[in-house]
Amino acid sequence: MKKIILILILFVIVYDLSAQQKGDSLAILYRRVYAYKNPKDLSTRYDKIPFSYLNEHKLIFIAKSEKYPKYYQAKTIKGDTIFVKAKLVSADQNLTHAQISQDIKDGKRKRSPGEIGDLTNLLPTWAIVIIWAGIGYLLYRFWKRYYKFDRWFCKKARTRKRPIKDAWFIKLSILAGVILGAVLLFARHEFYWFLQEGFQVWGNYPNKWDWIMWGALFAFIVIVLVAVAQSFSRFSAKYAVIYSLLVLVISTIYFIVGVTLSVFILIIYAITHARGSTGSGGSGGSGGSYNSGSTQAPGRDSAPVGATKYDESGQKVAKNSDGEWRKTTL
């Protein structure tokens, strides 16, 4: 009995020594890791620009939060106390910035939580473009000829209701998606934060753009509910349930299409803007090579105008014509 007690005591001591201790560093595992002063209140989000693995500086562990079990209480290099999700950081003291970057490059880690796999590893870019163009064309054709599908369904259900000539819920779903995706053009950081972890049925959002995205999602939900209610007014319960499921799937697909349209607009804008900058900026090659996630403190140096890097707080800065480093707007 005494041996068992001694073994248990020894196990507790070893476990306590191996556990995370106050003052240990926390490595940031993803490109976008957000922190909060109070995890229950979204408006207490710490800074607009998130922490990133691109920044070699680590957070300092204080304690595991008893009030918020999924969070670590930590301290930034500025000395601010924050709460960060435990799964987004690592307590491994041997894990370095170089190892995280290499694991992401090798595909062992994701750059962002919930990131969708990169299809370019499976198919060439031209093939992906052709596939998306084909899908877009088929969706457009289906939208324009939806009345034929609705008429066929009416015959199957043997209802006397007239077929819908205009698929209004498809049109409105696309519009809601375009509005949500358009925020990416004006507030990229808010867009990523909202999709990653910011959406709540009702929350105290830190920015007006968050309310716009919330409104677009809420409008989409209302559109689907109204379309479902309409199906129950047109068909019997059996066929109404089937039709409602189809409406849900179709509306979601076209909502995503709407978001994608806005993203394509951003890509086109970025390409044209980059070409304009290259044409007027002179030697753009050296500026591109300088943008490597450097964590040197902002200041005057030999970097060319337009070069970008990350400062000590993990924020992206760009060099202006006066030779000063300023925070970028995107």
C-alpha atoms as a PDB file:
ATOM      1  CA  MET A   1       0.000   0.000   0.000  1.00  0.00           C
ATOM      2  CA  LYS A   2       2.834   2.382   0.891  1.00  0.00           C
ATOM      3  CA  LYS A   3       4.513   1.676  -2.468  1.00  0.00           C
ATOM      4  CA  ILE A   4       1.328   2.549  -4.341  1.00  0.00           C
ATOM      5  CA  ILE A   5       1.000   5.833  -2.427  1.00  0.00           C
ATOM      6  CA  LEU A   6       4.652   6.714  -3.127  1.00  0.00           C
ATOM      7  CA  ILE A   7       4.202   5.948  -6.833  1.00  0.00           C
ATOM      8  CA  LEU A   8       1.104   8.170  -6.968  1.00  0.00           C
ATOM      9  CA  ILE A   9       2.938  11.016  -5.215  1.00  0.00           C
ATOM     10  CA  LEU A  10       5.858  10.664  -7.623  1.00  0.00           C
ATOM     11  CA  PHE A  11       3.461  10.682 -10.602  1.00  0.00           C
ATOM     12  CA  VAL A  12       1.790  13.886  -9.361  1.00  0.00           C
ATOM     13  CA  ILE A  13       5.184  15.585  -8.899  1.00  0.00           C
ATOM     14  CA  VAL A  14       6.384  14.597 -12.380  1.00  0.00           C
ATOM     15  CA  TYR A  15       3.090  15.704 -13.966  1.00  0.00           C
ATOM     16  CA  ASP A  16       3.228  19.039 -12.155  1.00  0.00           C
ATOM     17  CA  LEU A  17       6.785  19.665 -13.312  1.00  0.00           C
ATOM     18  CA  SER A  18       5.932  18.800 -16.923  1.00  0.00           C
ATOM     19  CA  ALA A  19       2.799  20.989 -16.979  1.00  0.00           C
ATOM     20  CA  GLN A  20       2.789  24.522 -18.313  1.00  0.00           C
ATOM     21  CA  GLN A  21       4.323  26.901 -15.801  1.00  0.00           C
ATOM     22  CA  LYS A  22       3.798  30.618 -15.297  1.00  0.00           C
ATOM     23  CA  GLY A  23       6.296  32.570 -17.371  1.00  0.00           C
ATOM     24  CA  ASP A  24       6.682  29.894 -20.073  1.00  0.00           C
ATOM     25  CA  SER A  25       6.325  30.995 -23.671  1.00  0.00           C
ATOM     26  CA  LEU A  26       3.408  30.110 -25.950  1.00  0.00           C
ATOM     27  CA  ALA A  27       4.182  29.598 -29.632  1.00  0.00           C
ATOM     28  CA  ILE A  28       1.564  30.938 -32.054  1.00  0.00           C
ATOM     29  CA  LEU A  29       0.513  28.142 -34.430  1.00  0.00           C
ATOM     30  CA  TYR A  30      -1.564  29.932 -37.058  1.00  0.00           C
ATOM     31  CA  ARG A  31      -1.545  33.009 -39.225  1.00  0.00           C
ATOM     32  CA  ARG A  32      -4.635  34.432 -37.570  1.00  0.00           C
ATOM     33  CA  VAL A  33      -4.891  33.982 -33.814  1.00  0.00           C
ATOM     34  CA  TYR A  34      -7.213  36.401 -32.043  1.00  0.00           C
ATOM     35  CA  ALA A  35      -7.186  37.292 -28.365  1.00  0.00           C
ATOM     36  CA  TYR A  36      -9.684  38.969 -26.060  1.00  0.00           C
ATOM     37  CA  LYS A  37      -9.754  40.930 -22.826  1.00  0.00           C
ATOM     38  CA  ASN A  38     -12.980  39.063 -22.050  1.00  0.00           C
ATOM     39  CA  PRO A  39     -13.757  35.960 -24.186  1.00  0.00           C
ATOM     40  CA  LYS A  40     -17.507  36.355 -23.611  1.00  0.00           C
ATOM     41  CA  ASP A  41     -17.542  39.869 -25.070  1.00  0.00           C
ATOM     42  CA  LEU A  42     -16.514  40.071 -28.743  1.00  0.00           C
ATOM     43  CA  SER A  43     -16.033  43.836 -28.506  1.00  0.00           C
ATOM     44  CA  THR A  44     -13.051  43.273 -26.174  1.00  0.00           C
ATOM     45  CA  ARG A  45     -11.060  41.705 -29.015  1.00  0.00           C
ATOM     46  CA  TYR A  46      -7.406  42.620 -28.661  1.00  0.00           C
ATOM     47  CA  ASP A  47      -6.341  44.710 -31.675  1.00  0.00           C
ATOM     48  CA  LYS A  48      -7.701  44.467 -35.214  1.00  0.00           C
ATOM     49  CA  ILE A  49      -4.656  42.684 -36.625  1.00  0.00           C
ATOM     50  CA  PRO A  50      -4.309  39.176 -35.132  1.00  0.00           C
ATOM     51  CA  PHE A  51      -1.239  37.433 -33.799  1.00  0.00           C
ATOM     52  CA  SER A  52       0.596  35.328 -36.356  1.00  0.00           C
ATOM     53  CA  TYR A  53       3.207  32.591 -36.670  1.00  0.00           C
ATOM     54  CA  LEU A  54       4.994  35.060 -38.973  1.00  0.00           C
ATOM     55  CA  ASN A  55       5.970  36.922 -35.825  1.00  0.00           C
ATOM     56  CA  GLU A  56       8.753  35.182 -33.924  1.00  0.00           C
ATOM     57  CA  HIS A  57       7.740  36.745 -30.606  1.00  0.00           C
ATOM     58  CA  LYS A  58       5.755  34.445 -28.345  1.00  0.00           C
ATOM     59  CA  LEU A  59       3.073  35.090 -25.755  1.00  0.00           C
ATOM     60  CA  ILE A  60       3.899  34.580 -22.089  1.00  0.00           C
ATOM     61  CA  PHE A  61       1.764  32.017 -20.271  1.00  0.00           C
ATOM     62  CA  ILE A  62       0.135  33.155 -17.016  1.00  0.00           C
ATOM     63  CA  ALA A  63      -2.398  30.448 -16.159  1.00  0.00           C
ATOM     64  CA  LYS A  64      -5.143  28.200 -17.470  1.00  0.00           C
ATOM     65  CA  SER A  65      -8.400  30.070 -17.087  1.00  0.00           C
ATOM     66  CA  GLU A  66     -10.836  28.387 -14.701  1.00  0.00           C
ATOM     67  CA  LYS A  67     -13.599  30.765 -15.768  1.00  0.00           C
ATOM     68  CA  TYR A  68     -12.923  30.117 -19.473  1.00  0.00           C
ATOM     69  CA  PRO A  69     -11.566  26.533 -19.663  1.00  0.00           C
ATOM     70  CA  LYS A  70     -10.857  26.680 -23.411  1.00  0.00           C
ATOM     71  CA  TYR A  71      -8.582  29.684 -23.006  1.00  0.00           C
ATOM     72  CA  TYR A  72      -5.109  30.471 -21.686  1.00  0.00           C
ATOM     73  CA  GLN A  73      -4.512  33.680 -19.811  1.00  0.00           C
ATOM     74  CA  ALA A  74      -1.350  35.179 -21.259  1.00  0.00           C
ATOM     75  CA  LYS A  75       0.698  38.339 -21.523  1.00  0.00           C
ATOM     76  CA  THR A  76       1.869  40.070 -24.706  1.00  0.00           C
ATOM     77  CA  ILE A  77       5.325  41.547 -25.249  1.00  0.00           C
ATOM     78  CA  LYS A  78       3.698  44.923 -24.514  1.00  0.00           C
ATOM     79  CA  GLY A  79       2.666  43.659 -21.088  1.00  0.00           C
ATOM     80  CA  ASP A  80      -1.088  43.476 -21.806  1.00  0.00           C
ATOM     81  CA  THR A  81      -3.059  40.609 -20.245  1.00  0.00           C
ATOM     82  CA  ILE A  82      -5.217  38.714 -22.737  1.00  0.00           C
ATOM     83  CA  PHE A  83      -7.132  35.459 -23.228  1.00  0.00           C
ATOM     84  CA  VAL A  84      -6.274  33.243 -26.205  1.00  0.00           C
ATOM     85  CA  LYS A  85      -7.753  29.891 -27.235  1.00  0.00           C
ATOM     86  CA  ALA A  86      -5.530  27.083 -25.974  1.00  0.00           C
ATOM     87  CA  LYS A  87      -5.785  25.098 -29.225  1.00  0.00           C
ATOM     88  CA  LEU A  88      -4.373  28.012 -31.245  1.00  0.00           C
ATOM     89  CA  VAL A  89      -1.069  28.180 -29.350  1.00  0.00           C
ATOM     90  CA  SER A  90       1.482  25.616 -28.212  1.00  0.00           C
ATOM     91  CA  ALA A  91       3.062  25.138 -24.793  1.00  0.00           C
ATOM     92  CA  ASP A  92       5.928  23.144 -26.307  1.00  0.00           C
ATOM     93  CA  GLN A  93       9.076  25.019 -25.268  1.00  0.00           C
ATOM     94  CA  ASN A  94      11.123  23.332 -27.998  1.00  0.00           C
ATOM     95  CA  LEU A  95       8.845  24.499 -30.822  1.00  0.00           C
ATOM     96  CA  THR A  96      10.455  27.322 -32.801  1.00  0.00           C
ATOM     97  CA  HIS A  97       9.143  29.819 -35.336  1.00  0.00           C
ATOM     98  CA  ALA A  98      11.267  28.161 -38.041  1.00  0.00           C
ATOM     99  CA  GLN A  99       9.739  24.739 -37.291  1.00  0.00           C
ATOM    100  CA  ILE A 100       6.177  26.095 -37.496  1.00  0.00           C
ATOM    101  CA  SER A 101       6.895  27.839 -40.806  1.00  0.00           C
ATOM    102  CA  GLN A 102       8.512  24.714 -42.237  1.00  0.00           C
ATOM    103  CA  ASP A 103       5.624  22.478 -41.120  1.00  0.00           C
ATOM    104  CA  ILE A 104       3.161  24.832 -42.836  1.00  0.00           C
ATOM    105  CA  LYS A 105       5.282  24.852 -45.980  1.00  0.00           C
ATOM    106  CA  ASP A 106       5.401  21.038 -45.934  1.00  0.00           C
ATOM    107  CA  GLY A 107       1.631  20.790 -45.452  1.00  0.00           C
ATOM    108  CA  LYS A 108       1.879  19.294 -41.950  1.00  0.00           C
ATOM    109  CA  ARG A 109       0.130  22.290 -40.425  1.00  0.00           C
ATOM    110  CA  LYS A 110      -2.600  24.628 -41.658  1.00  0.00           C
ATOM    111  CA  ARG A 111      -1.978  28.336 -41.936  1.00  0.00           C
ATOM    112  CA  SER A 112      -5.345  29.212 -40.409  1.00  0.00           C
ATOM    113  CA  PRO A 113      -7.900  27.354 -38.240  1.00  0.00           C
ATOM    114  CA  GLY A 114     -10.580  25.711 -40.374  1.00  0.00           C
ATOM    115  CA  GLU A 115      -8.648  26.377 -43.558  1.00  0.00           C
ATOM    116  CA  ILE A 116      -9.901  24.525 -46.635  1.00  0.00           C
ATOM    117  CA  GLY A 117      -7.316  22.323 -48.338  1.00  0.00           C
ATOM    118  CA  ASP A 118      -5.381  23.835 -51.222  1.00  0.00           C
ATOM    119  CA  LEU A 119      -6.672  22.222 -54.422  1.00  0.00           C
ATOM    120  CA  THR A 120      -3.677  23.531 -56.376  1.00  0.00           C
ATOM    121  CA  ASN A 121      -1.685  20.660 -54.857  1.00  0.00           C
ATOM    122  CA  LEU A 122      -3.995  18.226 -56.667  1.00  0.00           C
ATOM    123  CA  LEU A 123      -4.816  20.073 -59.885  1.00  0.00           C
ATOM    124  CA  PRO A 124      -3.075  22.749 -61.966  1.00  0.00           C
ATOM    125  CA  THR A 125      -4.476  26.295 -61.824  1.00  0.00           C
ATOM    126  CA  TRP A 126      -5.914  26.179 -65.356  1.00  0.00           C
ATOM    127  CA  ALA A 127      -7.876  23.022 -64.525  1.00  0.00           C
ATOM    128  CA  ILE A 128      -9.372  24.637 -61.406  1.00  0.00           C
ATOM    129  CA  VAL A 129     -10.373  27.712 -63.420  1.00  0.00           C
ATOM    130  CA  ILE A 130     -12.093  25.536 -66.038  1.00  0.00           C
ATOM    131  CA  ILE A 131     -13.924  23.545 -63.350  1.00  0.00           C
ATOM    132  CA  TRP A 132     -15.172  26.688 -61.594  1.00  0.00           C
ATOM    133  CA  ALA A 133     -16.206  28.249 -64.914  1.00  0.00           C
ATOM    134  CA  GLY A 134     -18.140  25.088 -65.788  1.00  0.00           C
ATOM    135  CA  ILE A 135     -19.859  25.000 -62.408  1.00  0.00           C
ATOM    136  CA  GLY A 136     -20.723  28.698 -62.723  1.00  0.00           C
ATOM    137  CA  TYR A 137     -22.239  28.182 -66.172  1.00  0.00           C
ATOM    138  CA  LEU A 138     -24.361  25.231 -64.989  1.00  0.00           C
ATOM    139  CA  LEU A 139     -25.607  27.199 -61.983  1.00  0.00           C
ATOM    140  CA  TYR A 140     -26.520  30.121 -64.211  1.00  0.00           C
ATOM    141  CA  ARG A 141     -28.445  27.854 -66.575  1.00  0.00           C
ATOM    142  CA  PHE A 142     -30.259  26.194 -63.671  1.00  0.00           C
ATOM    143  CA  TRP A 143     -31.249  29.588 -62.274  1.00  0.00           C
ATOM    144  CA  LYS A 144     -32.647  30.762 -65.610  1.00  0.00           C
ATOM    145  CA  ARG A 145     -34.586  27.517 -66.153  1.00  0.00           C
ATOM    146  CA  TYR A 146     -35.681  26.955 -62.573  1.00  0.00           C
ATOM    147  CA  TYR A 147     -39.325  27.304 -63.586  1.00  0.00           C
ATOM    148  CA  LYS A 148     -39.013  24.014 -65.532  1.00  0.00           C
ATOM    149  CA  PHE A 149     -37.741  22.207 -62.450  1.00  0.00           C
ATOM    150  CA  ASP A 150     -40.508  23.743 -60.347  1.00  0.00           C
ATOM    151  CA  ARG A 151     -43.132  22.763 -62.924  1.00  0.00           C
ATOM    152  CA  TRP A 152     -41.849  19.162 -62.940  1.00  0.00           C
ATOM    153  CA  PHE A 153     -42.017  19.071 -59.134  1.00  0.00           C
ATOM    154  CA  CYS A 154     -45.572  20.432 -59.180  1.00  0.00           C
ATOM    155  CA  LYS A 155     -46.602  17.569 -61.502  1.00  0.00           C
ATOM    156  CA  LYS A 156     -44.924  15.032 -59.212  1.00  0.00           C
ATOM    157  CA  ALA A 157     -46.707  16.459 -56.177  1.00  0.00           C
ATOM    158  CA  ARG A 158     -50.001  16.661 -58.133  1.00  0.00           C
ATOM    159  CA  THR A 159     -50.694  20.144 -56.872  1.00  0.00           C
ATOM    160  CA  ARG A 160     -52.899  22.735 -58.518  1.00  0.00           C
ATOM    161  CA  LYS A 161     -50.530  25.540 -57.528  1.00  0.00           C
ATOM    162  CA  ARG A 162     -48.882  27.397 -60.377  1.00  0.00           C
ATOM    163  CA  PRO A 163     -45.138  26.861 -60.918  1.00  0.00           C
ATOM    164  CA  ILE A 164     -42.817  29.647 -59.796  1.00  0.00           C
ATOM    165  CA  LYS A 165     -41.673  31.637 -62.824  1.00  0.00           C
ATOM    166  CA  ASP A 166     -38.889  33.442 -60.966  1.00  0.00           C
ATOM    167  CA  ALA A 167     -36.672  31.735 -58.374  1.00  0.00           C
ATOM    168  CA  TRP A 168     -36.679  34.783 -56.095  1.00  0.00           C
ATOM    169  CA  PHE A 169     -34.843  33.047 -53.241  1.00  0.00           C
ATOM    170  CA  ILE A 170     -31.895  32.264 -55.545  1.00  0.00           C
ATOM    171  CA  LYS A 171     -31.611  35.909 -56.571  1.00  0.00           C
ATOM    172  CA  LEU A 172     -31.783  37.153 -52.957  1.00  0.00           C
ATOM    173  CA  SER A 173     -29.348  34.484 -51.727  1.00  0.00           C
ATOM    174  CA  ILE A 174     -26.775  35.643 -54.283  1.00  0.00           C
ATOM    175  CA  LEU A 175     -27.332  39.259 -53.224  1.00  0.00           C
ATOM    176  CA  ALA A 176     -26.824  38.404 -49.534  1.00  0.00           C
ATOM    177  CA  GLY A 177     -23.625  36.541 -50.419  1.00  0.00           C
ATOM    178  CA  VAL A 178     -22.335  39.465 -52.484  1.00  0.00           C
ATOM    179  CA  ILE A 179     -22.935  41.856 -49.563  1.00  0.00           C
ATOM    180  CA  LEU A 180     -21.090  39.576 -47.128  1.00  0.00           C
ATOM    181  CA  GLY A 181     -18.197  39.010 -49.529  1.00  0.00           C
ATOM    182  CA  ALA A 182     -17.972  42.731 -50.370  1.00  0.00           C
ATOM    183  CA  VAL A 183     -16.745  43.429 -46.843  1.00  0.00           C
ATOM    184  CA  LEU A 184     -13.525  41.699 -47.907  1.00  0.00           C
ATOM    185  CA  LEU A 185     -12.916  44.650 -50.234  1.00  0.00           C
ATOM    186  CA  PHE A 186     -13.074  47.185 -47.399  1.00  0.00           C
ATOM    187  CA  ALA A 187     -12.188  45.374 -44.164  1.00  0.00           C
ATOM    188  CA  ARG A 188     -10.201  42.212 -44.836  1.00  0.00           C
ATOM    189  CA  HIS A 189      -9.220  41.612 -41.219  1.00  0.00           C
ATOM    190  CA  GLU A 190     -12.849  41.876 -40.050  1.00  0.00           C
ATOM    191  CA  PHE A 191     -13.958  39.479 -42.794  1.00  0.00           C
ATOM    192  CA  TYR A 192     -11.469  36.800 -41.752  1.00  0.00           C
ATOM    193  CA  TRP A 193     -12.212  37.249 -38.047  1.00  0.00           C
ATOM    194  CA  PHE A 194     -15.982  37.062 -38.575  1.00  0.00           C
ATOM    195  CA  LEU A 195     -15.816  33.848 -40.606  1.00  0.00           C
ATOM    196  CA  GLN A 196     -13.218  32.255 -38.336  1.00  0.00           C
ATOM    197  CA  GLU A 197     -14.848  32.837 -34.974  1.00  0.00           C
ATOM    198  CA  GLY A 198     -16.812  36.088 -34.852  1.00  0.00           C
ATOM    199  CA  PHE A 199     -20.303  35.002 -35.896  1.00  0.00           C
ATOM    200  CA  GLN A 200     -22.838  34.753 -33.087  1.00  0.00           C
ATOM    201  CA  VAL A 201     -26.619  34.803 -33.197  1.00  0.00           C
ATOM    202  CA  TRP A 202     -26.393  37.992 -31.173  1.00  0.00           C
ATOM    203  CA  GLY A 203     -23.138  39.538 -30.060  1.00  0.00           C
ATOM    204  CA  ASN A 204     -21.499  42.818 -29.146  1.00  0.00           C
ATOM    205  CA  TYR A 205     -19.432  43.239 -32.294  1.00  0.00           C
ATOM    206  CA  PRO A 206     -16.350  45.496 -32.304  1.00  0.00           C
ATOM    207  CA  ASN A 207     -16.838  46.984 -35.781  1.00  0.00           C
ATOM    208  CA  LYS A 208     -19.615  48.222 -38.097  1.00  0.00           C
ATOM    209  CA  TRP A 209     -18.411  45.821 -40.822  1.00  0.00           C
ATOM    210  CA  ASP A 210     -19.197  42.914 -38.504  1.00  0.00           C
ATOM    211  CA  TRP A 211     -22.784  44.098 -38.257  1.00  0.00           C
ATOM    212  CA  ILE A 212     -23.015  44.285 -42.057  1.00  0.00           C
ATOM    213  CA  MET A 213     -21.835  40.659 -42.353  1.00  0.00           C
ATOM    214  CA  TRP A 214     -24.164  39.643 -39.546  1.00  0.00           C
ATOM    215  CA  GLY A 215     -27.020  41.356 -41.385  1.00  0.00           C
ATOM    216  CA  ALA A 216     -26.171  39.517 -44.633  1.00  0.00           C
ATOM    217  CA  LEU A 217     -26.167  36.139 -42.864  1.00  0.00           C
ATOM    218  CA  PHE A 218     -29.348  36.951 -40.969  1.00  0.00           C
ATOM    219  CA  ALA A 219     -31.032  38.047 -44.233  1.00  0.00           C
ATOM    220  CA  PHE A 220     -29.981  34.767 -45.843  1.00  0.00           C
ATOM    221  CA  ILE A 221     -31.536  32.804 -42.967  1.00  0.00           C
ATOM    222  CA  VAL A 222     -34.785  34.775 -43.323  1.00  0.00           C
ATOM    223  CA  ILE A 223     -34.811  34.149 -47.100  1.00  0.00           C
ATOM    224  CA  VAL A 224     -34.507  30.396 -46.560  1.00  0.00           C
ATOM    225  CA  LEU A 225     -37.209  30.370 -43.858  1.00  0.00           C
ATOM    226  CA  VAL A 226     -39.642  32.293 -46.084  1.00  0.00           C
ATOM    227  CA  ALA A 227     -38.923  29.956 -49.010  1.00  0.00           C
ATOM    228  CA  VAL A 228     -39.520  26.946 -46.764  1.00  0.00           C
ATOM    229  CA  ALA A 229     -42.804  28.448 -45.516  1.00  0.00           C
ATOM    230  CA  GLN A 230     -43.840  29.020 -49.128  1.00  0.00           C
ATOM    231  CA  SER A 231     -43.178  25.374 -49.999  1.00  0.00           C
ATOM    232  CA  PHE A 232     -45.480  24.217 -47.192  1.00  0.00           C
ATOM    233  CA  SER A 233     -48.194  26.517 -48.519  1.00  0.00           C
ATOM    234  CA  ARG A 234     -47.874  24.990 -52.006  1.00  0.00           C
ATOM    235  CA  PHE A 235     -47.416  21.270 -51.368  1.00  0.00           C
ATOM    236  CA  SER A 236     -48.542  18.574 -48.982  1.00  0.00           C
ATOM    237  CA  ALA A 237     -46.329  17.855 -45.978  1.00  0.00           C
ATOM    238  CA  LYS A 238     -44.450  14.983 -47.659  1.00  0.00           C
ATOM    239  CA  TYR A 239     -43.468  16.932 -50.762  1.00  0.00           C
ATOM    240  CA  ALA A 240     -43.014  20.176 -48.832  1.00  0.00           C
ATOM    241  CA  VAL A 241     -40.275  18.591 -46.710  1.00  0.00           C
ATOM    242  CA  ILE A 242     -38.435  17.345 -49.819  1.00  0.00           C
ATOM    243  CA  TYR A 243     -38.842  20.681 -51.576  1.00  0.00           C
ATOM    244  CA  SER A 244     -37.661  22.562 -48.465  1.00  0.00           C
ATOM    245  CA  LEU A 245     -34.465  20.508 -48.299  1.00  0.00           C
ATOM    246  CA  LEU A 246     -33.827  21.268 -51.970  1.00  0.00           C
ATOM    247  CA  VAL A 247     -34.436  24.970 -51.323  1.00  0.00           C
ATOM    248  CA  LEU A 248     -31.951  24.913 -48.432  1.00  0.00           C
ATOM    249  CA  VAL A 249     -29.241  23.255 -50.530  1.00  0.00           C
ATOM    250  CA  ILE A 250     -29.867  25.445 -53.587  1.00  0.00           C
ATOM    251  CA  SER A 251     -29.954  28.682 -51.557  1.00  0.00           C
ATOM    252  CA  THR A 252     -26.721  27.803 -49.742  1.00  0.00           C
ATOM    253  CA  ILE A 253     -24.915  27.056 -53.009  1.00  0.00           C
ATOM    254  CA  TYR A 254     -25.960  30.362 -54.567  1.00  0.00           C
ATOM    255  CA  PHE A 255     -25.155  32.245 -51.354  1.00  0.00           C
ATOM    256  CA  ILE A 256     -21.606  30.894 -51.568  1.00  0.00           C
ATOM    257  CA  VAL A 257     -21.546  31.862 -55.249  1.00  0.00           C
ATOM    258  CA  GLY A 258     -22.387  35.428 -54.213  1.00  0.00           C
ATOM    259  CA  VAL A 259     -19.511  35.507 -51.733  1.00  0.00           C
ATOM    260  CA  THR A 260     -17.195  34.059 -54.390  1.00  0.00           C
ATOM    261  CA  LEU A 261     -18.156  36.790 -56.868  1.00  0.00           C
ATOM    262  CA  SER A 262     -16.988  39.445 -54.412  1.00  0.00           C
ATOM    263  CA  VAL A 263     -13.746  37.537 -53.819  1.00  0.00           C
ATOM    264  CA  PHE A 264     -13.087  37.413 -57.578  1.00  0.00           C
ATOM    265  CA  ILE A 265     -13.602  41.174 -57.739  1.00  0.00           C
ATOM    266  CA  LEU A 266     -10.989  41.565 -54.984  1.00  0.00           C
ATOM    267  CA  ILE A 267      -8.539  39.329 -56.860  1.00  0.00           C
ATOM    268  CA  ILE A 268      -8.992  41.323 -60.074  1.00  0.00           C
ATOM    269  CA  TYR A 269      -8.558  44.568 -58.138  1.00  0.00           C
ATOM    270  CA  ALA A 270      -5.402  43.262 -56.429  1.00  0.00           C
ATOM    271  CA  ILE A 271      -3.898  42.149 -59.765  1.00  0.00           C
ATOM    272  CA  THR A 272      -4.576  45.471 -61.503  1.00  0.00           C
ATOM    273  CA  HIS A 273      -3.396  47.421 -58.455  1.00  0.00           C
ATOM    274  CA  ALA A 274      -0.197  45.374 -58.265  1.00  0.00           C
ATOM    275  CA  ARG A 275       0.519  46.016 -61.961  1.00  0.00           C
ATOM    276  CA  GLY A 276       0.034  49.725 -61.444  1.00  0.00           C
ATOM    277  CA  SER A 277       2.377  49.744 -58.456  1.00  0.00           C
ATOM    278  CA  THR A 278       5.020  47.773 -60.350  1.00  0.00           C
ATOM    279  CA  GLY A 279       4.899  50.171 -63.281  1.00  0.00           C
ATOM    280  CA  SER A 280       5.348  53.270 -61.103  1.00  0.00           C
ATOM    281  CA  GLY A 281       7.543  51.865 -58.346  1.00  0.00           C
ATOM    282  CA  GLY A 282      10.729  51.235 -60.326  1.00  0.00           C
ATOM    283  CA  SER A 283      12.639  48.242 -59.028  1.00  0.00           C
ATOM    284  CA  GLY A 284       9.802  46.142 -57.671  1.00  0.00           C
ATOM    285  CA  GLY A 285      11.968  43.018 -57.547  1.00  0.00           C
ATOM    286  CA  SER A 286      13.955  44.034 -54.506  1.00  0.00           C
ATOM    287  CA  GLY A 287      10.795  45.111 -52.689  1.00  0.00           C
ATOM    288  CA  GLY A 288       9.232  41.694 -53.228  1.00  0.00           C
ATOM    289  CA  SER A 289      12.286  39.875 -51.969  1.00  0.00           C
ATOM    290  CA  TYR A 290      12.301  41.995 -48.833  1.00  0.00           C
ATOM    291  CA  ASN A 291       8.791  40.951 -47.855  1.00  0.00           C
ATOM    292  CA  SER A 292       9.723  37.782 -46.015  1.00  0.00           C
ATOM    293  CA  GLY A 293       7.974  38.185 -42.673  1.00  0.00           C
ATOM    294  CA  SER A 294      10.861  40.046 -41.078  1.00  0.00           C
ATOM    295  CA  THR A 295      10.265  40.999 -37.456  1.00  0.00           C
ATOM    296  CA  GLN A 296      12.717  43.852 -37.240  1.00  0.00           C
ATOM    297  CA  ALA A 297      11.379  46.949 -35.529  1.00  0.00           C
ATOM    298  CA  PRO A 298      10.122  49.647 -37.886  1.00  0.00           C
ATOM    299  CA  GLY A 299      12.624  52.376 -38.672  1.00  0.00           C
ATOM    300  CA  ARG A 300      14.714  53.981 -41.368  1.00  0.00           C
ATOM    301  CA  ASP A 301      16.860  51.532 -43.346  1.00  0.00           C
ATOM    302  CA  SER A 302      17.874  50.630 -46.890  1.00  0.00           C
ATOM    303  CA  ALA A 303      14.598  48.886 -47.809  1.00  0.00           C
ATOM    304  CA  PRO A 304      12.895  50.257 -50.960  1.00  0.00           C
ATOM    305  CA  VAL A 305       9.646  52.210 -50.934  1.00  0.00           C
ATOM    306  CA  GLY A 306       6.655  49.840 -50.898  1.00  0.00           C
ATOM    307  CA  ALA A 307       8.501  47.044 -49.070  1.00  0.00           C
ATOM    308  CA  THR A 308       6.513  45.319 -46.319  1.00  0.00           C
ATOM    309  CA  LYS A 309       7.386  43.420 -43.154  1.00  0.00           C
ATOM    310  CA  TYR A 310       6.001  42.606 -39.706  1.00  0.00           C
ATOM    311  CA  ASP A 311       6.880  44.664 -36.650  1.00  0.00           C
ATOM    312  CA  GLU A 312       7.408  43.375 -33.112  1.00  0.00           C
ATOM    313  CA  SER A 313       3.677  43.261 -32.388  1.00  0.00           C
ATOM    314  CA  GLY A 314       2.974  41.143 -35.455  1.00  0.00           C
ATOM    315  CA  GLN A 315       1.403  43.965 -37.454  1.00  0.00           C
ATOM    316  CA  LYS A 316       2.144  44.367 -41.143  1.00  0.00           C
ATOM    317  CA  VAL A 317       3.870  47.642 -42.012  1.00  0.00           C
ATOM    318  CA  ALA A 318       4.914  49.193 -45.320  1.00  0.00           C
ATOM    319  CA  LYS A 319       7.612  51.738 -46.136  1.00  0.00           C
ATOM    320  CA  ASN A 320       6.292  55.018 -47.530  1.00  0.00           C
ATOM    321  CA  SER A 321       7.985  57.656 -49.688  1.00  0.00           C
ATOM    322  CA  ASP A 322       9.258  59.484 -46.569  1.00  0.00           C
ATOM    323  CA  GLY A 323      11.227  56.411 -45.531  1.00  0.00           C
ATOM    324  CA  GLU A 324       8.926  55.663 -42.580  1.00  0.00           C
ATOM    325  CA  TRP A 325       7.209  52.377 -41.760  1.00  0.00           C
ATOM    326  CA  ARG A 326       3.432  52.659 -41.444  1.00  0.00           C
ATOM    327  CA  LYS A 327       0.670  50.124 -40.786  1.00  0.00           C
ATOM    328  CA  THR A 328      -0.933  48.815 -43.967  1.00  0.00           C
ATOM    329  CA  THR A 329      -4.664  49.261 -44.505  1.00  0.00           C
ATOM    330  CA  LEU A 330      -5.158  45.671 -45.779  1.00  0.00           C
END
